[in-house]
Amino acid sequence: MEYYCEKDNRQTDISKGCRHPNDFCQHRQACMIHYLEQEARREEGKQAEDKAGLLADGRQQEEENDG
């Protein structure tokens, strides 16, 4: 899937992500590529927390089951 990069003024493959993630970009707040990368990172973080059992709800459930 391709999205338009305002900074480069061209279509960019979303699977490759932002071509300039560490550079200043005046369009970043409205950038769909940046948004989708953030969502993917958040989802990866949530999955890692779930696997490690670090979520507050998970800890409460485990404590209730132990008691």
C-alpha atoms as a PDB file:
ATOM      1  CA  MET A   1       0.000   0.000   0.000  1.00  0.00           C
ATOM      2  CA  GLU A   2       1.321   3.441  -0.829  1.00  0.00           C
ATOM      3  CA  TYR A   3       0.744   6.824   0.779  1.00  0.00           C
ATOM      4  CA  TYR A   4       1.774  10.265  -0.354  1.00  0.00           C
ATOM      5  CA  CYS A   5       4.740  11.797   1.489  1.00  0.00           C
ATOM      6  CA  GLU A   6       4.404  15.577   1.646  1.00  0.00           C
ATOM      7  CA  LYS A   7       8.077  16.019   2.542  1.00  0.00           C
ATOM      8  CA  ASP A   8       9.344  14.025  -0.467  1.00  0.00           C
ATOM      9  CA  ASN A   9       6.406  14.975  -2.705  1.00  0.00           C
ATOM     10  CA  ARG A  10       5.990  11.391  -3.883  1.00  0.00           C
ATOM     11  CA  GLN A  11       4.266   8.084  -3.178  1.00  0.00           C
ATOM     12  CA  THR A  12       5.934   5.965  -0.488  1.00  0.00           C
ATOM     13  CA  ASP A  13       5.458   2.288   0.290  1.00  0.00           C
ATOM     14  CA  ILE A  14       3.938   2.102   3.783  1.00  0.00           C
ATOM     15  CA  SER A  15       5.725  -1.177   4.586  1.00  0.00           C
ATOM     16  CA  LYS A  16       9.062   0.675   4.397  1.00  0.00           C
ATOM     17  CA  GLY A  17       7.826   3.366   6.772  1.00  0.00           C
ATOM     18  CA  CYS A  18       9.001   6.943   6.943  1.00  0.00           C
ATOM     19  CA  ARG A  19      12.102   7.644   4.902  1.00  0.00           C
ATOM     20  CA  HIS A  20      13.167  10.433   7.287  1.00  0.00           C
ATOM     21  CA  PRO A  21      12.028   9.445  10.788  1.00  0.00           C
ATOM     22  CA  ASN A  22      14.686  11.527  12.584  1.00  0.00           C
ATOM     23  CA  ASP A  23      14.496  14.608  10.366  1.00  0.00           C
ATOM     24  CA  PHE A  24      12.227  17.581  10.980  1.00  0.00           C
ATOM     25  CA  CYS A  25       9.010  17.369   9.006  1.00  0.00           C
ATOM     26  CA  GLN A  26       6.411  20.119   9.113  1.00  0.00           C
ATOM     27  CA  HIS A  27       3.771  17.631   7.945  1.00  0.00           C
ATOM     28  CA  ARG A  28       4.392  14.982  10.632  1.00  0.00           C
ATOM     29  CA  GLN A  29       1.304  15.793  12.715  1.00  0.00           C
ATOM     30  CA  ALA A  30      -0.916  15.119   9.689  1.00  0.00           C
ATOM     31  CA  CYS A  31       1.187  12.293   8.221  1.00  0.00           C
ATOM     32  CA  MET A  32      -0.619   8.992   7.746  1.00  0.00           C
ATOM     33  CA  ILE A  33       2.689   7.121   7.396  1.00  0.00           C
ATOM     34  CA  HIS A  34       3.869   8.437  10.775  1.00  0.00           C
ATOM     35  CA  TYR A  35       0.499   7.687  12.365  1.00  0.00           C
ATOM     36  CA  LEU A  36       0.480   4.073  11.157  1.00  0.00           C
ATOM     37  CA  GLU A  37       4.051   3.563  12.392  1.00  0.00           C
ATOM     38  CA  GLN A  38       3.049   4.843  15.836  1.00  0.00           C
ATOM     39  CA  GLU A  39       0.036   2.530  15.925  1.00  0.00           C
ATOM     40  CA  ALA A  40       2.208  -0.453  14.978  1.00  0.00           C
ATOM     41  CA  ARG A  41       4.710   0.398  17.749  1.00  0.00           C
ATOM     42  CA  ARG A  42       1.906   0.758  20.302  1.00  0.00           C
ATOM     43  CA  GLU A  43       0.440  -2.590  19.284  1.00  0.00           C
ATOM     44  CA  GLU A  44       3.858  -4.278  19.566  1.00  0.00           C
ATOM     45  CA  GLY A  45       4.292  -2.768  23.028  1.00  0.00           C
ATOM     46  CA  LYS A  46       0.873  -3.966  24.170  1.00  0.00           C
ATOM     47  CA  GLN A  47       1.573  -7.478  22.926  1.00  0.00           C
ATOM     48  CA  ALA A  48       4.907  -7.537  24.755  1.00  0.00           C
ATOM     49  CA  GLU A  49       3.240  -6.349  27.968  1.00  0.00           C
ATOM     50  CA  ASP A  50       0.503  -8.972  27.632  1.00  0.00           C
ATOM     51  CA  LYS A  51       3.081 -11.720  27.220  1.00  0.00           C
ATOM     52  CA  ALA A  52       5.049 -10.501  30.229  1.00  0.00           C
ATOM     53  CA  GLY A  53       1.895 -10.146  32.348  1.00  0.00           C
ATOM     54  CA  LEU A  54       2.651  -6.533  33.173  1.00  0.00           C
ATOM     55  CA  LEU A  55      -0.800  -5.048  32.619  1.00  0.00           C
ATOM     56  CA  ALA A  56      -2.474  -3.693  35.744  1.00  0.00           C
ATOM     57  CA  ASP A  57      -5.683  -5.644  35.048  1.00  0.00           C
ATOM     58  CA  GLY A  58      -3.718  -8.841  34.613  1.00  0.00           C
ATOM     59  CA  ARG A  59      -1.956  -8.361  37.940  1.00  0.00           C
ATOM     60  CA  GLN A  60      -5.248  -7.700  39.714  1.00  0.00           C
ATOM     61  CA  GLN A  61      -6.821 -10.827  38.258  1.00  0.00           C
ATOM     62  CA  GLU A  62      -3.842 -12.962  39.269  1.00  0.00           C
ATOM     63  CA  GLU A  63      -3.909 -11.548  42.819  1.00  0.00           C
ATOM     64  CA  GLU A  64      -7.668 -12.178  43.114  1.00  0.00           C
ATOM     65  CA  ASN A  65      -7.271 -15.744  41.887  1.00  0.00           C
ATOM     66  CA  ASP A  66      -4.455 -16.404  44.385  1.00  0.00           C
ATOM     67  CA  GLY A  67      -6.479 -15.147  47.361  1.00  0.00           C
END
